[in-house]
Amino acid sequence: MTRTRVGGLVQRLEDEFTVVTYDRRGLSRSTIHDPSRPVTMATHADDAHRLLAAVTSAPAHMLGCSMGAVIGLHLAVEHPGQLDTLIAHEPVAPWLLAAGDRAAHLCELEHCQQVFRAEGWQAALAPMARTLGINPADQDVEPGVRLPSITAERAADFGYFLGHDFTAVREDRLDVAALRRSTVRTIPAAGHTTPPHVFDRKCATELARLLATDVAVFAGGHNGNMTHPGAYATRVRALITGDQAA
């Protein structure tokens, strides 16, 4: 996610927390010198590690959504001292899945990229949305919420996401035994409306199985942080503080 997509959520959390957001490498303000060079998930995780080190010496609470959740899982293994709590919302992590599901969903991701390369990012949005369990034509939103329009910056972000970040997701690996041993309090999470059979929901389920815990359910679907910022912020606050009555 980029900082422009989570403004409503940030506004509802910053009265209680110091909130740090950033644009992942290759997106929006975070430009790269050579777009032809691949950026791995390990590089993205190192970026997050360096950012956290620059702003605090204390363990942070991290909300990671989709690819951000995978970056958080890398931090939980490689730099566990930097995190207190990680809320991993629908991580796009094929390595969490059993072989059959992993192969099927890797094919889905590859198909999205093939459509993007042949027809452009707009044509690839439909298969991408299906893969993630999103119905753009019927997204429930909280009262007063207006979803961001497609600007030139967002169009460029979609292009980079499909052309580069999908490759990083497909090629990523992480030691699940090391993740299980991590001292970080990791909370698998998923959206209420995300279908149970889709890629990202299965990853959340398998992460919960790995960690012997439950999936924390949030309002909305894969993009619930945008569509339901109020309910989402309430759930984040409750999970961090332990106030499950909130």
Protein backbone atom coordinates (compact mmCIF):
# COMPACT_ATOMS: atom_id res chain seq x y z
CA MET A 1 0.00 0.00 0.00
CA THR A 2 1.03 3.64 -0.35
CA ARG A 3 0.46 6.50 2.08
CA THR A 4 -2.39 7.99 -0.02
CA ARG A 5 -4.48 4.82 0.26
CA VAL A 6 -4.52 4.65 4.05
CA GLY A 7 -5.19 8.26 5.04
CA GLY A 8 -8.58 7.46 6.58
CA LEU A 9 -7.12 4.65 8.65
CA VAL A 10 -4.17 6.74 9.81
CA GLN A 11 -6.46 9.58 10.94
CA ARG A 12 -8.31 7.15 13.18
CA LEU A 13 -5.16 5.78 14.82
CA GLU A 14 -2.85 8.76 15.22
CA ASP A 15 -4.64 10.06 18.32
CA GLU A 16 -3.27 7.05 20.21
CA PHE A 17 -0.23 5.91 18.23
CA THR A 18 2.67 7.46 16.37
CA VAL A 19 1.86 6.21 12.87
CA VAL A 20 4.57 5.81 10.24
CA THR A 21 3.62 5.07 6.63
CA TYR A 22 5.79 4.87 3.55
CA ASP A 23 5.66 4.15 -0.16
CA ARG A 24 7.22 0.79 -0.91
CA ARG A 25 10.20 0.81 -3.27
CA GLY A 26 9.01 1.42 -6.82
CA LEU A 27 5.67 2.96 -5.81
CA SER A 28 4.64 6.64 -5.84
CA ARG A 29 7.35 8.74 -4.17
CA SER A 30 9.83 5.85 -3.78
CA THR A 31 11.40 5.94 -7.21
CA ILE A 32 14.07 3.52 -8.37
CA HIS A 33 17.04 4.26 -10.58
CA ASP A 34 16.79 1.16 -12.79
CA PRO A 35 13.21 -0.12 -13.22
CA SER A 36 14.48 -3.12 -15.18
CA ARG A 37 16.24 -4.58 -12.13
CA PRO A 38 14.15 -6.92 -9.96
CA VAL A 39 13.40 -5.96 -6.38
CA THR A 40 13.10 -9.00 -4.13
CA MET A 41 11.00 -9.39 -1.03
CA ALA A 42 14.24 -9.52 0.94
CA THR A 43 15.09 -6.04 -0.38
CA HIS A 44 11.66 -4.73 0.58
CA ALA A 45 12.10 -6.21 4.06
CA ASP A 46 15.51 -4.58 4.37
CA ASP A 47 13.96 -1.24 3.41
CA ALA A 48 11.39 -1.64 6.20
CA HIS A 49 14.13 -2.66 8.63
CA ARG A 50 16.15 0.46 7.82
CA LEU A 51 13.09 2.70 8.07
CA LEU A 52 12.19 1.37 11.50
CA ALA A 53 15.78 1.72 12.67
CA ALA A 54 15.74 5.36 11.56
CA VAL A 55 12.59 6.31 13.47
CA THR A 56 12.71 4.27 16.69
CA SER A 57 14.87 2.06 18.85
CA ALA A 58 11.83 0.46 20.49
CA PRO A 59 9.88 -2.54 19.14
CA ALA A 60 7.05 -1.33 16.91
CA HIS A 61 3.54 -2.53 16.23
CA MET A 62 3.25 -3.26 12.51
CA LEU A 63 0.16 -3.59 10.36
CA GLY A 64 1.06 -5.26 7.09
CA CYS A 65 -1.56 -5.81 4.41
CA SER A 66 -1.14 -8.17 1.45
CA MET A 67 2.49 -7.79 0.34
CA GLY A 68 3.16 -5.63 3.39
CA ALA A 69 2.16 -8.58 5.57
CA VAL A 70 4.84 -10.70 3.88
CA ILE A 71 7.41 -7.96 4.48
CA GLY A 72 6.38 -8.07 8.13
CA LEU A 73 6.84 -11.84 8.26
CA HIS A 74 10.37 -11.41 6.93
CA LEU A 75 11.05 -8.86 9.66
CA ALA A 76 9.65 -11.24 12.28
CA VAL A 77 12.27 -13.79 11.22
CA GLU A 78 15.21 -11.57 10.33
CA HIS A 79 14.83 -8.64 12.77
CA PRO A 80 12.46 -9.83 15.51
CA GLY A 81 13.74 -7.24 17.98
CA GLN A 82 12.21 -4.47 15.87
CA LEU A 83 8.64 -5.72 16.21
CA ASP A 84 6.36 -6.15 19.18
CA THR A 85 3.21 -7.06 17.28
CA LEU A 86 2.66 -7.88 13.62
CA ILE A 87 -0.87 -7.91 12.24
CA ALA A 88 -0.48 -9.83 8.98
CA HIS A 89 -3.63 -9.15 6.96
CA GLU A 90 -4.07 -11.58 4.06
CA PRO A 91 -0.37 -12.15 3.32
CA VAL A 92 0.33 -12.99 -0.32
CA ALA A 93 2.79 -15.75 0.54
CA PRO A 94 2.67 -18.84 -1.70
CA TRP A 95 5.32 -20.51 0.47
CA LEU A 96 2.73 -20.85 3.25
CA LEU A 97 0.59 -23.17 1.12
CA ALA A 98 0.71 -26.90 0.50
CA ALA A 99 2.24 -27.92 -2.83
CA GLY A 100 -1.00 -28.24 -4.79
CA ASP A 101 -2.47 -24.93 -3.68
CA ARG A 102 0.91 -23.24 -4.08
CA ALA A 103 1.25 -24.37 -7.69
CA ALA A 104 -2.32 -23.32 -8.52
CA HIS A 105 -1.96 -19.86 -7.06
CA LEU A 106 1.47 -19.31 -8.59
CA CYS A 107 -0.21 -19.98 -11.93
CA GLU A 108 -2.85 -17.36 -11.10
CA LEU A 109 -0.18 -14.77 -10.36
CA GLU A 110 1.71 -15.65 -13.53
CA HIS A 111 -1.49 -15.33 -15.57
CA CYS A 112 -2.08 -11.84 -14.18
CA GLN A 113 1.41 -10.86 -15.29
CA GLN A 114 0.92 -12.37 -18.73
CA VAL A 115 -2.26 -10.35 -19.24
CA PHE A 116 -0.47 -7.22 -18.01
CA ARG A 117 2.44 -7.69 -20.42
CA ALA A 118 0.17 -8.41 -23.35
CA GLU A 119 -2.65 -5.92 -22.75
CA GLY A 120 -1.62 -3.48 -20.00
CA TRP A 121 -2.50 -2.91 -16.36
CA GLN A 122 -6.18 -2.11 -16.93
CA ALA A 123 -6.80 -5.48 -18.56
CA ALA A 124 -4.93 -7.22 -15.74
CA LEU A 125 -7.08 -5.70 -12.99
CA ALA A 126 -9.90 -8.22 -13.46
CA PRO A 127 -7.81 -11.39 -13.04
CA MET A 128 -5.87 -9.74 -10.22
CA ALA A 129 -9.09 -8.87 -8.38
CA ARG A 130 -10.37 -12.44 -8.80
CA THR A 131 -7.12 -13.82 -7.43
CA LEU A 132 -7.41 -11.63 -4.33
CA GLY A 133 -11.14 -12.08 -3.86
CA ILE A 134 -12.06 -8.47 -4.67
CA ASN A 135 -15.22 -7.48 -6.54
CA PRO A 136 -14.54 -3.88 -7.68
CA ALA A 137 -18.14 -3.49 -8.89
CA ASP A 138 -19.61 -4.38 -5.52
CA GLN A 139 -17.30 -3.20 -2.73
CA ASP A 140 -19.15 -2.37 0.46
CA VAL A 141 -17.82 0.76 2.15
CA GLU A 142 -18.44 2.56 5.42
CA PRO A 143 -20.72 5.61 5.28
CA GLY A 144 -18.83 8.66 4.08
CA VAL A 145 -15.92 6.72 2.60
CA ARG A 146 -14.91 7.57 -0.96
CA LEU A 147 -12.44 5.24 -2.60
CA PRO A 148 -9.47 6.94 -4.31
CA SER A 149 -9.76 7.61 -8.02
CA ILE A 150 -7.27 6.34 -10.58
CA THR A 151 -4.67 9.08 -10.93
CA ALA A 152 -1.58 8.97 -13.11
CA GLU A 153 0.43 8.05 -10.00
CA ARG A 154 -1.89 5.16 -9.13
CA ALA A 155 -1.82 3.93 -12.73
CA ALA A 156 1.98 3.85 -12.60
CA ASP A 157 1.79 2.02 -9.27
CA PHE A 158 -0.50 -0.63 -10.76
CA GLY A 159 1.98 -1.11 -13.58
CA TYR A 160 4.90 -1.55 -11.20
CA PHE A 161 2.90 -3.80 -8.90
CA LEU A 162 1.89 -6.16 -11.69
CA GLY A 163 5.18 -6.05 -13.54
CA HIS A 164 7.58 -6.30 -10.60
CA ASP A 165 5.93 -6.97 -7.25
CA PHE A 166 4.05 -10.03 -8.49
CA THR A 167 7.43 -11.48 -9.46
CA ALA A 168 8.78 -10.77 -5.97
CA VAL A 169 5.76 -12.57 -4.48
CA ARG A 170 6.12 -15.58 -6.78
CA GLU A 171 9.84 -15.99 -6.12
CA ASP A 172 9.76 -15.35 -2.38
CA ARG A 173 10.77 -17.95 0.22
CA LEU A 174 10.88 -17.86 4.01
CA ASP A 175 11.89 -20.46 6.59
CA VAL A 176 8.58 -21.47 8.17
CA ALA A 177 10.33 -23.17 11.09
CA ALA A 178 12.12 -19.91 11.88
CA LEU A 179 8.83 -18.04 11.57
CA ARG A 180 7.22 -20.43 14.03
CA ARG A 181 10.07 -19.78 16.49
CA SER A 182 9.94 -15.99 16.14
CA THR A 183 9.37 -14.04 19.35
CA VAL A 184 7.16 -11.51 17.55
CA ARG A 185 3.46 -11.66 18.44
CA THR A 186 2.13 -12.35 14.97
CA ILE A 187 -1.61 -12.11 14.39
CA PRO A 188 -2.91 -13.60 11.12
CA ALA A 189 -5.83 -11.56 9.83
CA ALA A 190 -8.35 -11.56 6.99
CA GLY A 191 -11.32 -9.60 5.75
CA HIS A 192 -14.85 -10.72 6.57
CA THR A 193 -15.93 -10.71 2.93
CA THR A 194 -12.83 -12.33 1.42
CA PRO A 195 -13.92 -15.73 0.05
CA PRO A 196 -12.28 -18.67 1.87
CA HIS A 197 -11.08 -20.31 -1.35
CA VAL A 198 -8.98 -17.43 -2.71
CA PHE A 199 -5.20 -17.18 -2.52
CA ASP A 200 -4.72 -14.52 0.15
CA ARG A 201 -7.39 -15.93 2.49
CA LYS A 202 -5.82 -19.37 2.27
CA CYS A 203 -2.46 -17.85 3.16
CA ALA A 204 -3.96 -16.24 6.28
CA THR A 205 -5.51 -19.57 7.26
CA GLU A 206 -2.23 -21.44 6.79
CA LEU A 207 -0.31 -18.80 8.75
CA ALA A 208 -2.75 -19.27 11.63
CA ARG A 209 -2.30 -23.03 11.40
CA LEU A 210 1.48 -22.65 11.44
CA LEU A 211 1.37 -20.44 14.53
CA ALA A 212 -1.37 -22.47 16.25
CA THR A 213 -3.68 -19.50 16.56
CA ASP A 214 -6.86 -18.09 15.01
CA VAL A 215 -7.40 -15.70 12.13
CA ALA A 216 -8.47 -12.26 13.35
CA VAL A 217 -11.39 -11.15 11.19
CA PHE A 218 -11.60 -7.53 10.03
CA ALA A 219 -14.40 -5.57 8.37
CA GLY A 220 -14.44 -5.56 4.58
CA GLY A 221 -12.29 -7.70 2.36
CA HIS A 222 -8.73 -7.59 1.04
CA ASN A 223 -8.90 -3.77 0.93
CA GLY A 224 -10.77 -3.35 4.20
CA ASN A 225 -8.20 -0.82 5.37
CA MET A 226 -9.55 1.51 2.66
CA THR A 227 -13.22 0.56 2.56
CA HIS A 228 -13.83 0.37 6.32
CA PRO A 229 -11.21 2.59 7.99
CA GLY A 230 -13.28 3.17 11.12
CA ALA A 231 -14.02 -0.47 11.92
CA TYR A 232 -10.54 -1.44 10.78
CA ALA A 233 -8.89 1.05 13.15
CA THR A 234 -11.03 -0.17 16.03
CA ARG A 235 -9.93 -3.75 15.35
CA VAL A 236 -6.26 -2.77 15.06
CA ARG A 237 -6.43 -0.88 18.34
CA ALA A 238 -8.12 -3.79 20.11
CA LEU A 239 -5.57 -6.31 18.88
CA ILE A 240 -2.61 -4.14 19.87
CA THR A 241 -3.92 -3.19 23.30
CA GLY A 242 -5.59 -6.50 24.07
CA ASP A 243 -8.95 -4.79 24.62
CA GLN A 244 -11.12 -7.31 22.81
CA ALA A 245 -14.25 -5.51 23.99
CA ALA A 246 -13.37 -2.50 21.81
